[in-house]
C-alpha atoms as a PDB file:
ATOM      1  CA  UNK A   1      -1.677  11.595  20.494  1.00  0.00           C
ATOM      2  CA  UNK A   2      -4.549  12.374  22.444  1.00  0.00           C
ATOM      3  CA  UNK A   3      -3.592  10.893  26.287  1.00  0.00           C
ATOM      4  CA  UNK A   4      -6.987   9.880  26.283  1.00  0.00           C
ATOM      5  CA  UNK A   5      -5.887   7.634  22.958  1.00  0.00           C
ATOM      6  CA  UNK A   6      -2.566   6.644  25.209  1.00  0.00           C
ATOM      7  CA  UNK A   7      -4.217   5.411  28.200  1.00  0.00           C
ATOM      8  CA  UNK A   8      -7.155   4.175  26.890  1.00  0.00           C
ATOM      9  CA  UNK A   9      -8.884   0.896  28.227  1.00  0.00           C
ATOM     10  CA  UNK A  10      -8.004  -0.534  24.918  1.00  0.00           C
ATOM     11  CA  UNK A  11      -4.750  -1.367  22.453  1.00  0.00           C
ATOM     12  CA  UNK A  12      -4.220   0.152  19.688  1.00  0.00           C
ATOM     13  CA  UNK A  13      -2.066  -0.081  16.734  1.00  0.00           C
ATOM     14  CA  UNK A  14      -1.549   2.678  13.549  1.00  0.00           C
ATOM     15  CA  UNK A  15       0.672   0.333  10.397  1.00  0.00           C
ATOM     16  CA  UNK A  16       0.278   1.153   7.166  1.00  0.00           C
ATOM     17  CA  UNK A  17      -0.378  -1.196   4.357  1.00  0.00           C
ATOM     18  CA  UNK A  18       2.315  -3.479   3.429  1.00  0.00           C
ATOM     19  CA  UNK A  19       2.141  -3.932   8.209  1.00  0.00           C
ATOM     20  CA  UNK A  20       5.164  -1.468   9.289  1.00  0.00           C
ATOM     21  CA  UNK A  21       3.874  -0.604  13.014  1.00  0.00           C
ATOM     22  CA  UNK A  22       3.751   3.821  12.566  1.00  0.00           C
ATOM     23  CA  UNK A  23       2.184   3.904  16.502  1.00  0.00           C
ATOM     24  CA  UNK A  24       1.105   2.365  19.259  1.00  0.00           C
ATOM     25  CA  UNK A  25      -0.462   3.964  22.709  1.00  0.00           C
ATOM     26  CA  UNK A  26       0.345   3.216  26.038  1.00  0.00           C
ATOM     27  CA  UNK A  27      -1.570   0.329  27.292  1.00  0.00           C
ATOM     28  CA  UNK A  28      -0.702  -1.838  24.672  1.00  0.00           C
ATOM     29  CA  UNK A  29       2.504  -1.509  25.797  1.00  0.00           C
ATOM     30  CA  UNK A  30       2.174  -2.594  28.586  1.00  0.00           C
ATOM     31  CA  UNK A  31      -0.239  -5.277  28.197  1.00  0.00           C
ATOM     32  CA  UNK A  32       2.170  -6.503  25.688  1.00  0.00           C
ATOM     33  CA  UNK A  33       5.419  -5.826  27.426  1.00  0.00           C
ATOM     34  CA  UNK A  34       7.390  -4.292  25.028  1.00  0.00           C
ATOM     35  CA  UNK A  35       9.199  -0.980  24.406  1.00  0.00           C
ATOM     36  CA  UNK A  36       7.733   1.688  21.857  1.00  0.00           C
ATOM     37  CA  UNK A  37      11.155   1.826  20.687  1.00  0.00           C
ATOM     38  CA  UNK A  38      11.264  -1.586  20.141  1.00  0.00           C
ATOM     39  CA  UNK A  39       7.674  -1.911  18.319  1.00  0.00           C
ATOM     40  CA  UNK A  40       8.219   1.337  16.055  1.00  0.00           C
ATOM     41  CA  UNK A  41       8.960   0.945  12.174  1.00  0.00           C
ATOM     42  CA  UNK A  42       8.948  -3.139  12.580  1.00  0.00           C
ATOM     43  CA  UNK A  43       6.181  -5.271  11.255  1.00  0.00           C
ATOM     44  CA  UNK A  44       3.296  -6.299  12.465  1.00  0.00           C
ATOM     45  CA  UNK A  45       3.491 -10.092  11.486  1.00  0.00           C
ATOM     46  CA  UNK A  46       7.200  -9.854  13.768  1.00  0.00           C
ATOM     47  CA  UNK A  47       5.232 -10.224  16.981  1.00  0.00           C
ATOM     48  CA  UNK A  48       3.086 -13.671  15.676  1.00  0.00           C
ATOM     49  CA  UNK A  49       3.406 -17.072  15.009  1.00  0.00           C
ATOM     50  CA  UNK A  50       3.159 -18.663  11.632  1.00  0.00           C
ATOM     51  CA  UNK A  51      -1.169 -19.523  12.352  1.00  0.00           C
ATOM     52  CA  UNK A  52      -1.630 -15.871  13.356  1.00  0.00           C
ATOM     53  CA  UNK A  53       0.398 -14.929  10.337  1.00  0.00           C
ATOM     54  CA  UNK A  54      -1.816 -16.888   7.780  1.00  0.00           C
ATOM     55  CA  UNK A  55      -4.551 -15.469   9.402  1.00  0.00           C
ATOM     56  CA  UNK A  56      -3.964 -12.220   9.515  1.00  0.00           C
ATOM     57  CA  UNK A  57      -3.128 -12.544   5.098  1.00  0.00           C
ATOM     58  CA  UNK A  58      -5.920 -15.101   4.449  1.00  0.00           C
ATOM     59  CA  UNK A  59      -8.696 -12.884   6.761  1.00  0.00           C
ATOM     60  CA  UNK A  60      -7.718  -9.008   7.721  1.00  0.00           C
ATOM     61  CA  UNK A  61      -5.723  -8.198   4.090  1.00  0.00           C
ATOM     62  CA  UNK A  62      -8.574  -9.041   1.750  1.00  0.00           C
ATOM     63  CA  UNK A  63     -11.040  -7.510   4.433  1.00  0.00           C
ATOM     64  CA  UNK A  64      -9.181  -4.037   4.600  1.00  0.00           C
ATOM     65  CA  UNK A  65      -8.513  -3.846   1.247  1.00  0.00           C
ATOM     66  CA  UNK A  66     -11.494  -5.075  -0.059  1.00  0.00           C
ATOM     67  CA  UNK A  67     -14.439  -3.336   2.762  1.00  0.00           C
ATOM     68  CA  UNK A  68     -11.763  -0.577   4.018  1.00  0.00           C
ATOM     69  CA  UNK A  69     -12.444  -1.827   7.388  1.00  0.00           C
ATOM     70  CA  UNK A  70     -12.127  -5.733   9.001  1.00  0.00           C
ATOM     71  CA  UNK A  71     -14.668  -6.853  12.548  1.00  0.00           C
ATOM     72  CA  UNK A  72     -13.994  -8.966  15.143  1.00  0.00           C
ATOM     73  CA  UNK A  73     -10.939 -10.542  13.974  1.00  0.00           C
ATOM     74  CA  UNK A  74      -9.658 -12.739  17.097  1.00  0.00           C
ATOM     75  CA  UNK A  75      -5.757 -13.242  17.267  1.00  0.00           C
ATOM     76  CA  UNK A  76      -3.484 -14.283  19.062  1.00  0.00           C
ATOM     77  CA  UNK A  77       0.125 -11.770  19.585  1.00  0.00           C
ATOM     78  CA  UNK A  78       3.485 -12.875  21.218  1.00  0.00           C
ATOM     79  CA  UNK A  79       4.192 -10.256  24.137  1.00  0.00           C
ATOM     80  CA  UNK A  80       7.818  -9.196  25.015  1.00  0.00           C
ATOM     81  CA  UNK A  81       8.985 -12.562  27.177  1.00  0.00           C
ATOM     82  CA  UNK A  82       7.565 -14.430  24.101  1.00  0.00           C
ATOM     83  CA  UNK A  83       3.975 -16.165  25.488  1.00  0.00           C
ATOM     84  CA  UNK A  84       1.382 -15.357  23.773  1.00  0.00           C
ATOM     85  CA  UNK A  85      -1.182 -12.861  24.315  1.00  0.00           C
ATOM     86  CA  UNK A  86      -5.127 -13.694  22.984  1.00  0.00           C
ATOM     87  CA  UNK A  87      -7.008 -10.131  21.594  1.00  0.00           C
ATOM     88  CA  UNK A  88     -10.249  -9.059  19.492  1.00  0.00           C
ATOM     89  CA  UNK A  89      -9.003  -6.890  16.457  1.00  0.00           C
ATOM     90  CA  UNK A  90     -11.002  -4.655  14.633  1.00  0.00           C
ATOM     91  CA  UNK A  91      -9.711  -2.683  11.777  1.00  0.00           C
ATOM     92  CA  UNK A  92     -10.095   0.557   9.093  1.00  0.00           C
ATOM     93  CA  UNK A  93      -8.501   1.332   6.873  1.00  0.00           C
ATOM     94  CA  UNK A  94      -7.540   5.501   5.941  1.00  0.00           C
ATOM     95  CA  UNK A  95      -6.440   8.853   4.982  1.00  0.00           C
ATOM     96  CA  UNK A  96      -4.064  10.705   7.549  1.00  0.00           C
ATOM     97  CA  UNK A  97      -2.244  13.620   5.562  1.00  0.00           C
ATOM     98  CA  UNK A  98      -1.839  11.887   2.112  1.00  0.00           C
ATOM     99  CA  UNK A  99      -0.692   8.802   3.573  1.00  0.00           C
ATOM    100  CA  UNK A 100      -3.335   5.255   4.074  1.00  0.00           C
ATOM    101  CA  UNK A 101      -2.292   4.066   7.045  1.00  0.00           C
ATOM    102  CA  UNK A 102      -4.994   0.883   9.028  1.00  0.00           C
ATOM    103  CA  UNK A 103      -5.787   1.612  12.208  1.00  0.00           C
ATOM    104  CA  UNK A 104      -6.056  -0.933  14.920  1.00  0.00           C
ATOM    105  CA  UNK A 105      -8.030  -1.415  18.165  1.00  0.00           C
ATOM    106  CA  UNK A 106      -6.934  -4.386  20.049  1.00  0.00           C
ATOM    107  CA  UNK A 107      -8.766  -5.276  23.139  1.00  0.00           C
ATOM    108  CA  UNK A 108      -7.952  -8.696  25.517  1.00  0.00           C
ATOM    109  CA  UNK A 109      -9.260 -11.476  26.104  1.00  0.00           C
ATOM    110  CA  UNK A 110      -9.216 -12.130  29.895  1.00  0.00           C
ATOM    111  CA  UNK A 111     -11.865 -14.706  29.830  1.00  0.00           C
ATOM    112  CA  UNK A 112     -10.662 -16.990  27.290  1.00  0.00           C
ATOM    113  CA  UNK A 113     -10.506 -20.126  29.890  1.00  0.00           C
ATOM    114  CA  UNK A 114     -14.071 -19.640  30.312  1.00  0.00           C
ATOM    115  CA  UNK A 115     -14.650 -19.946  27.248  1.00  0.00           C
ATOM    116  CA  UNK A 116     -12.736 -22.955  27.057  1.00  0.00           C
ATOM    117  CA  UNK A 117     -14.698 -24.276  29.696  1.00  0.00           C
ATOM    118  CA  UNK A 118     -17.610 -23.511  27.810  1.00  0.00           C
ATOM    119  CA  UNK A 119     -16.430 -25.529  24.764  1.00  0.00           C
ATOM    120  CA  UNK A 120     -15.251 -28.592  26.912  1.00  0.00           C
ATOM    121  CA  UNK A 121     -18.194 -28.418  28.442  1.00  0.00           C
ATOM    122  CA  UNK A 122     -20.703 -27.687  24.788  1.00  0.00           C
ATOM    123  CA  UNK A 123     -18.521 -30.734  23.842  1.00  0.00           C
ATOM    124  CA  UNK A 124     -19.333 -33.132  26.037  1.00  0.00           C
ATOM    125  CA  UNK A 125     -23.264 -32.491  26.240  1.00  0.00           C
ATOM    126  CA  UNK A 126     -22.063 -33.413  21.959  1.00  0.00           C
ATOM    127  CA  UNK A 127     -21.007 -37.070  22.802  1.00  0.00           C
ATOM    128  CA  UNK A 128     -23.147 -37.806  25.322  1.00  0.00           C
ATOM    129  CA  UNK A 129     -26.047 -36.991  22.884  1.00  0.00           C
ATOM    130  CA  UNK A 130     -23.705 -39.430  20.483  1.00  0.00           C
ATOM    131  CA  UNK A 131     -24.109 -42.081  22.921  1.00  0.00           C
ATOM    132  CA  UNK A 132     -28.229 -41.213  23.301  1.00  0.00           C
ATOM    133  CA  UNK A 133     -29.426 -41.534  19.773  1.00  0.00           C
ATOM    134  CA  UNK A 134     -28.372 -42.966  16.687  1.00  0.00           C
ATOM    135  CA  UNK A 135     -29.911 -40.664  15.037  1.00  0.00           C
ATOM    136  CA  UNK A 136     -28.920 -37.628  16.644  1.00  0.00           C
ATOM    137  CA  UNK A 137     -24.947 -38.720  16.005  1.00  0.00           C
ATOM    138  CA  UNK A 138     -26.936 -39.390  12.231  1.00  0.00           C
ATOM    139  CA  UNK A 139     -27.914 -35.774  12.011  1.00  0.00           C
ATOM    140  CA  UNK A 140     -24.374 -34.686  14.150  1.00  0.00           C
ATOM    141  CA  UNK A 141     -21.912 -36.279  11.537  1.00  0.00           C
ATOM    142  CA  UNK A 142     -24.165 -34.300   8.478  1.00  0.00           C
ATOM    143  CA  UNK A 143     -23.112 -31.051  10.683  1.00  0.00           C
ATOM    144  CA  UNK A 144     -19.690 -31.476  10.867  1.00  0.00           C
ATOM    145  CA  UNK A 145     -20.285 -31.996   6.769  1.00  0.00           C
ATOM    146  CA  UNK A 146     -21.664 -29.438   6.192  1.00  0.00           C
ATOM    147  CA  UNK A 147     -19.218 -27.160   8.811  1.00  0.00           C
ATOM    148  CA  UNK A 148     -16.501 -28.981   6.843  1.00  0.00           C
ATOM    149  CA  UNK A 149     -17.163 -27.980   3.501  1.00  0.00           C
ATOM    150  CA  UNK A 150     -18.090 -24.466   4.280  1.00  0.00           C
ATOM    151  CA  UNK A 151     -14.454 -24.072   5.524  1.00  0.00           C
ATOM    152  CA  UNK A 152     -13.322 -25.042   2.481  1.00  0.00           C
ATOM    153  CA  UNK A 153     -15.669 -23.013   0.909  1.00  0.00           C
ATOM    154  CA  UNK A 154     -13.931 -20.021   2.793  1.00  0.00           C
ATOM    155  CA  UNK A 155     -10.549 -20.665   2.558  1.00  0.00           C
ATOM    156  CA  UNK A 156     -11.265 -21.200  -0.979  1.00  0.00           C
ATOM    157  CA  UNK A 157     -12.469 -17.895  -1.565  1.00  0.00           C
ATOM    158  CA  UNK A 158     -10.257 -16.078   0.623  1.00  0.00           C
ATOM    159  CA  UNK A 159      -7.728 -17.353  -1.682  1.00  0.00           C
ATOM    160  CA  UNK A 160      -9.269 -16.121  -3.870  1.00  0.00           C
ATOM    161  CA  UNK A 161      -9.644 -12.749  -2.266  1.00  0.00           C
ATOM    162  CA  UNK A 162      -6.479 -12.376  -1.856  1.00  0.00           C
ATOM    163  CA  UNK A 163      -4.862 -12.961  -5.578  1.00  0.00           C
ATOM    164  CA  UNK A 164      -7.543 -10.047  -6.302  1.00  0.00           C
ATOM    165  CA  UNK A 165      -6.298  -8.422  -3.634  1.00  0.00           C
ATOM    166  CA  UNK A 166      -2.499  -8.632  -5.407  1.00  0.00           C
ATOM    167  CA  UNK A 167      -3.633  -8.579  -9.304  1.00  0.00           C
ATOM    168  CA  UNK A 168      -4.447  -6.190 -12.072  1.00  0.00           C
ATOM    169  CA  UNK A 169      -8.128  -6.333 -13.563  1.00  0.00           C
ATOM    170  CA  UNK A 170      -7.869  -6.112 -16.208  1.00  0.00           C
ATOM    171  CA  UNK A 171      -3.912  -7.334 -18.062  1.00  0.00           C
ATOM    172  CA  UNK A 172      -3.880 -10.340 -15.108  1.00  0.00           C
ATOM    173  CA  UNK A 173      -0.136  -9.338 -14.401  1.00  0.00           C
ATOM    174  CA  UNK A 174       0.245  -8.425 -10.620  1.00  0.00           C
ATOM    175  CA  UNK A 175      -0.240  -5.170  -9.697  1.00  0.00           C
ATOM    176  CA  UNK A 176       1.646  -1.762  -8.124  1.00  0.00           C
ATOM    177  CA  UNK A 177       0.973  -2.895  -4.555  1.00  0.00           C
ATOM    178  CA  UNK A 178       2.014  -6.041  -4.707  1.00  0.00           C
ATOM    179  CA  UNK A 179       5.050  -5.206  -7.218  1.00  0.00           C
ATOM    180  CA  UNK A 180       6.229  -2.639  -4.188  1.00  0.00           C
ATOM    181  CA  UNK A 181       5.953  -5.490  -1.672  1.00  0.00           C
ATOM    182  CA  UNK A 182       8.311  -8.118  -3.787  1.00  0.00           C
ATOM    183  CA  UNK A 183      10.758  -4.753  -4.652  1.00  0.00           C
ATOM    184  CA  UNK A 184      10.506  -4.919  -0.751  1.00  0.00           C
ATOM    185  CA  UNK A 185      11.511  -8.782  -0.430  1.00  0.00           C
ATOM    186  CA  UNK A 186      14.501  -8.473  -3.446  1.00  0.00           C
ATOM    187  CA  UNK A 187      16.582  -6.160  -1.803  1.00  0.00           C
ATOM    188  CA  UNK A 188      16.257  -7.580   1.597  1.00  0.00           C
ATOM    189  CA  UNK A 189      17.623 -10.790  -0.212  1.00  0.00           C
ATOM    190  CA  UNK A 190      20.178  -8.268  -2.428  1.00  0.00           C
ATOM    191  CA  UNK A 191      21.169  -7.691   1.831  1.00  0.00           C
ATOM    192  CA  UNK A 192      21.022 -10.268   2.820  1.00  0.00           C
ATOM    193  CA  UNK A 193      23.077 -12.086   0.049  1.00  0.00           C
ATOM    194  CA  UNK A 194      24.464  -9.437  -1.965  1.00  0.00           C
ATOM    195  CA  UNK A 195      22.687 -12.115  -4.942  1.00  0.00           C
ATOM    196  CA  UNK A 196      22.171  -9.320  -7.729  1.00  0.00           C
ATOM    197  CA  UNK A 197      18.830  -8.717  -8.746  1.00  0.00           C
ATOM    198  CA  UNK A 198      17.290  -6.318 -12.228  1.00  0.00           C
ATOM    199  CA  UNK A 199      14.265  -3.994 -12.528  1.00  0.00           C
ATOM    200  CA  UNK A 200      12.785  -3.408 -15.513  1.00  0.00           C
ATOM    201  CA  UNK A 201      10.271  -1.054 -16.420  1.00  0.00           C
ATOM    202  CA  UNK A 202       8.480  -1.051 -19.907  1.00  0.00           C
ATOM    203  CA  UNK A 203       6.848   1.226 -21.339  1.00  0.00           C
ATOM    204  CA  UNK A 204       4.423   1.791 -24.270  1.00  0.00           C
ATOM    205  CA  UNK A 205       5.535   4.208 -27.307  1.00  0.00           C
ATOM    206  CA  UNK A 206       2.581   6.456 -28.329  1.00  0.00           C
ATOM    207  CA  UNK A 207       0.167   5.352 -26.612  1.00  0.00           C
ATOM    208  CA  UNK A 208      -2.317   8.113 -26.139  1.00  0.00           C
ATOM    209  CA  UNK A 209      -2.331   7.643 -29.593  1.00  0.00           C
ATOM    210  CA  UNK A 210      -3.751   4.129 -29.690  1.00  0.00           C
ATOM    211  CA  UNK A 211      -6.350   5.934 -27.396  1.00  0.00           C
ATOM    212  CA  UNK A 212      -7.186   8.569 -29.602  1.00  0.00           C
ATOM    213  CA  UNK A 213      -6.940   7.000 -32.563  1.00  0.00           C
ATOM    214  CA  UNK A 214      -8.572   3.727 -32.101  1.00  0.00           C
ATOM    215  CA  UNK A 215     -10.881   3.781 -28.974  1.00  0.00           C
ATOM    216  CA  UNK A 216     -10.226   3.217 -24.995  1.00  0.00           C
ATOM    217  CA  UNK A 217     -11.677  -0.173 -26.197  1.00  0.00           C
ATOM    218  CA  UNK A 218      -8.864  -1.047 -28.429  1.00  0.00           C
ATOM    219  CA  UNK A 219      -5.964   0.549 -26.084  1.00  0.00           C
ATOM    220  CA  UNK A 220      -7.108  -1.784 -22.997  1.00  0.00           C
ATOM    221  CA  UNK A 221      -7.049  -4.519 -25.681  1.00  0.00           C
ATOM    222  CA  UNK A 222      -3.316  -3.559 -26.334  1.00  0.00           C
ATOM    223  CA  UNK A 223      -2.264  -4.140 -22.370  1.00  0.00           C
ATOM    224  CA  UNK A 224      -4.219  -7.102 -21.969  1.00  0.00           C
ATOM    225  CA  UNK A 225      -2.525  -8.696 -25.281  1.00  0.00           C
ATOM    226  CA  UNK A 226       0.456  -6.880 -23.695  1.00  0.00           C
ATOM    227  CA  UNK A 227       0.250  -8.351 -20.184  1.00  0.00           C
ATOM    228  CA  UNK A 228      -0.075 -11.540 -21.230  1.00  0.00           C
ATOM    229  CA  UNK A 229       3.022 -11.316 -23.554  1.00  0.00           C
ATOM    230  CA  UNK A 230       5.014 -10.778 -20.793  1.00  0.00           C
ATOM    231  CA  UNK A 231       3.722 -13.432 -18.725  1.00  0.00           C
ATOM    232  CA  UNK A 232       4.087 -15.265 -21.149  1.00  0.00           C
ATOM    233  CA  UNK A 233       7.938 -14.250 -21.889  1.00  0.00           C
ATOM    234  CA  UNK A 234       8.394 -14.745 -17.576  1.00  0.00           C
ATOM    235  CA  UNK A 235      10.146 -16.567 -15.411  1.00  0.00           C
ATOM    236  CA  UNK A 236       7.856 -18.438 -12.704  1.00  0.00           C
ATOM    237  CA  UNK A 237      10.446 -16.958 -10.235  1.00  0.00           C
ATOM    238  CA  UNK A 238      10.202 -13.465 -11.947  1.00  0.00           C
ATOM    239  CA  UNK A 239       7.367 -10.365 -11.033  1.00  0.00           C
ATOM    240  CA  UNK A 240       5.625  -9.143 -14.029  1.00  0.00           C
ATOM    241  CA  UNK A 241       3.500  -6.608 -13.071  1.00  0.00           C
ATOM    242  CA  UNK A 242       1.172  -3.896 -14.021  1.00  0.00           C
ATOM    243  CA  UNK A 243       2.817  -0.074 -12.711  1.00  0.00           C
ATOM    244  CA  UNK A 244      -0.002   2.416 -13.610  1.00  0.00           C
ATOM    245  CA  UNK A 245      -1.746   3.421 -17.102  1.00  0.00           C
ATOM    246  CA  UNK A 246       0.493   1.896 -19.635  1.00  0.00           C
ATOM    247  CA  UNK A 247       3.736   1.387 -17.622  1.00  0.00           C
ATOM    248  CA  UNK A 248       4.585  -2.163 -16.459  1.00  0.00           C
ATOM    249  CA  UNK A 249       7.918  -3.952 -14.976  1.00  0.00           C
ATOM    250  CA  UNK A 250       9.794  -6.563 -14.400  1.00  0.00           C
ATOM    251  CA  UNK A 251      11.712  -7.878 -11.169  1.00  0.00           C
ATOM    252  CA  UNK A 252      14.575 -10.581 -12.071  1.00  0.00           C
ATOM    253  CA  UNK A 253      16.070 -12.440  -9.601  1.00  0.00           C
ATOM    254  CA  UNK A 254      19.881 -13.910  -9.993  1.00  0.00           C
ATOM    255  CA  UNK A 255      19.811 -11.778 -13.227  1.00  0.00           C
ATOM    256  CA  UNK A 256      22.709  -9.096 -13.491  1.00  0.00           C
ATOM    257  CA  UNK A 257      22.613  -6.033 -16.153  1.00  0.00           C
ATOM    258  CA  UNK A 258      23.952  -7.958 -19.337  1.00  0.00           C
ATOM    259  CA  UNK A 259      21.571 -11.181 -18.939  1.00  0.00           C
ATOM    260  CA  UNK A 260      18.445  -8.071 -17.664  1.00  0.00           C
ATOM    261  CA  UNK A 261      19.865  -6.035 -21.223  1.00  0.00           C
ATOM    262  CA  UNK A 262      18.782  -9.264 -23.077  1.00  0.00           C
ATOM    263  CA  UNK A 263      15.418 -10.109 -21.684  1.00  0.00           C
ATOM    264  CA  UNK A 264      14.766  -6.827 -22.720  1.00  0.00           C
ATOM    265  CA  UNK A 265      15.632  -6.782 -25.452  1.00  0.00           C
ATOM    266  CA  UNK A 266      13.902  -9.865 -26.103  1.00  0.00           C
ATOM    267  CA  UNK A 267      10.893  -8.194 -25.045  1.00  0.00           C
ATOM    268  CA  UNK A 268      11.790  -5.592 -27.153  1.00  0.00           C
ATOM    269  CA  UNK A 269      11.430  -7.316 -30.558  1.00  0.00           C
ATOM    270  CA  UNK A 270       8.421  -9.917 -29.653  1.00  0.00           C
ATOM    271  CA  UNK A 271       6.618  -6.315 -29.373  1.00  0.00           C
ATOM    272  CA  UNK A 272       7.510  -5.171 -32.607  1.00  0.00           C
ATOM    273  CA  UNK A 273       7.048  -8.521 -34.126  1.00  0.00           C
ATOM    274  CA  UNK A 274       3.646  -9.114 -33.053  1.00  0.00           C
ATOM    275  CA  UNK A 275      -0.208  -8.893 -34.718  1.00  0.00           C
ATOM    276  CA  UNK A 276      -1.699  -6.192 -33.254  1.00  0.00           C
ATOM    277  CA  UNK A 277      -5.282  -4.397 -34.278  1.00  0.00           C
ATOM    278  CA  UNK A 278      -3.637  -1.144 -34.609  1.00  0.00           C
ATOM    279  CA  UNK A 279      -1.177  -2.021 -36.938  1.00  0.00           C
ATOM    280  CA  UNK A 280       1.847  -1.876 -35.287  1.00  0.00           C
ATOM    281  CA  UNK A 281       3.342  -1.388 -31.870  1.00  0.00           C
ATOM    282  CA  UNK A 282       6.578  -0.820 -30.378  1.00  0.00           C
ATOM    283  CA  UNK A 283       7.676  -0.392 -26.843  1.00  0.00           C
ATOM    284  CA  UNK A 284      10.732   1.145 -24.846  1.00  0.00           C
ATOM    285  CA  UNK A 285      12.166   0.069 -21.771  1.00  0.00           C
ATOM    286  CA  UNK A 286      15.003   1.039 -19.106  1.00  0.00           C
ATOM    287  CA  UNK A 287      16.827  -1.306 -16.488  1.00  0.00           C
ATOM    288  CA  UNK A 288      18.164  -1.201 -13.632  1.00  0.00           C
ATOM    289  CA  UNK A 289      20.498  -3.394 -11.526  1.00  0.00           C
ATOM    290  CA  UNK A 290      20.101  -3.070  -8.020  1.00  0.00           C
ATOM    291  CA  UNK A 291      23.764  -2.135  -6.285  1.00  0.00           C
ATOM    292  CA  UNK A 292      25.364  -1.259  -2.435  1.00  0.00           C
ATOM    293  CA  UNK A 293      23.236   1.101  -0.989  1.00  0.00           C
ATOM    294  CA  UNK A 294      19.822   0.957  -3.417  1.00  0.00           C
ATOM    295  CA  UNK A 295      16.533   1.683  -1.743  1.00  0.00           C
ATOM    296  CA  UNK A 296      13.541   0.745  -3.510  1.00  0.00           C
ATOM    297  CA  UNK A 297      13.129   4.559  -4.624  1.00  0.00           C
ATOM    298  CA  UNK A 298      16.739   5.075  -5.567  1.00  0.00           C
ATOM    299  CA  UNK A 299      16.332   1.989  -8.028  1.00  0.00           C
ATOM    300  CA  UNK A 300      13.022   2.542  -9.388  1.00  0.00           C
ATOM    301  CA  UNK A 301      14.560   5.794 -10.511  1.00  0.00           C
ATOM    302  CA  UNK A 302      17.135   4.699 -12.095  1.00  0.00           C
ATOM    303  CA  UNK A 303      15.634   2.427 -14.236  1.00  0.00           C
ATOM    304  CA  UNK A 304      12.688   5.144 -15.221  1.00  0.00           C
ATOM    305  CA  UNK A 305      15.493   7.410 -16.173  1.00  0.00           C
ATOM    306  CA  UNK A 306      17.167   4.979 -17.969  1.00  0.00           C
ATOM    307  CA  UNK A 307      13.114   4.826 -19.168  1.00  0.00           C
ATOM    308  CA  UNK A 308      13.131   8.729 -20.499  1.00  0.00           C
ATOM    309  CA  UNK A 309      16.556   8.032 -22.357  1.00  0.00           C
ATOM    310  CA  UNK A 310      14.739   5.679 -24.480  1.00  0.00           C
ATOM    311  CA  UNK A 311      12.173   7.220 -25.117  1.00  0.00           C
ATOM    312  CA  UNK A 312      14.201  10.605 -25.849  1.00  0.00           C
ATOM    313  CA  UNK A 313      16.358   8.647 -28.120  1.00  0.00           C
ATOM    314  CA  UNK A 314      13.612   7.870 -30.375  1.00  0.00           C
ATOM    315  CA  UNK A 315      11.778   4.893 -28.409  1.00  0.00           C
ATOM    316  CA  UNK A 316      11.686   1.263 -29.674  1.00  0.00           C
ATOM    317  CA  UNK A 317      14.763   0.608 -27.449  1.00  0.00           C
ATOM    318  CA  UNK A 318      16.612  -0.457 -24.685  1.00  0.00           C
ATOM    319  CA  UNK A 319      18.806   1.677 -21.834  1.00  0.00           C
ATOM    320  CA  UNK A 320      20.032   0.504 -19.019  1.00  0.00           C
ATOM    321  CA  UNK A 321      21.375   2.904 -16.031  1.00  0.00           C
ATOM    322  CA  UNK A 322      24.843   1.754 -16.760  1.00  0.00           C
ATOM    323  CA  UNK A 323      24.951   3.223 -19.997  1.00  0.00           C
ATOM    324  CA  UNK A 324      23.685   6.916 -18.939  1.00  0.00           C
ATOM    325  CA  UNK A 325      27.412   6.764 -16.961  1.00  0.00           C
ATOM    326  CA  UNK A 326      28.893   5.593 -19.466  1.00  0.00           C
ATOM    327  CA  UNK A 327      27.184   8.340 -21.734  1.00  0.00           C
ATOM    328  CA  UNK A 328      27.811  10.510 -19.220  1.00  0.00           C
ATOM    329  CA  UNK A 329      31.995  10.010 -18.835  1.00  0.00           C
ATOM    330  CA  UNK A 330      32.315   9.508 -22.340  1.00  0.00           C
ATOM    331  CA  UNK A 331      31.098  13.154 -22.492  1.00  0.00           C
ATOM    332  CA  UNK A 332      33.164  14.359 -20.499  1.00  0.00           C
END
């Protein structure tokens, strides 16, 4: 890091789009009372209270995803002794060496007590005005009602923005970013409890041929309808997402290999029996069930290999990564 940035008169943090801290300057460590090792690779929300986590989710992430930057976000962070330190945060999303990161500048709010005193003084003046004139009271009540309405509208808008930032526009399913966050959370739960879960990848057979023969609009209708089918057959705790192109993914909590295979077979059969604009449609599926030592990358890799085996085996079929292992052992 450049020495001027290291000792700049403000804090600096660099985080991933999942909120993992990848870098920080000396100034921020000094202000907060942390060592570099204490923060590196930790989630930024680990140094936030629940209230500030809510602010971060409802304002920071939607604006970063929609606009690529956040300006003048007031937020408090927990320092090394557990105290709350108020900051004004500015953030900007950028690509560094092919990786998306978010650089954040944090200016400490050293005059917070002065601001609070100003607010108390303003409140006292308003209260005096209430007693002075009934007409002023009525006017201020109207203003208060309007502020509450605007706050409610803002909360509703923020909720919509959060939903949009995690939703695939075409199918209405969750998007890849949301899926990756849920997969990370499910892996963490697995390591803590040992509770099994399975990952299912579904790919539309000969989708390029559909686009070439019927056109991209029909192809989009196929993706929309398959998304609806997946959503209809998913449990509330499942995560159904569009992974990209004609590939869809399902995270199936509390589900071991045999149950996951049954779910995949049902989805495959429902797809085959459904009525499509193309006349007929089939999908191939690959499954992997989480095992000790798995990461998101290894789990996806095993499910993808099983999907490839389904395609190679003639399509319109389901394969579990365990089937590949058994087949290899049988061959030996």
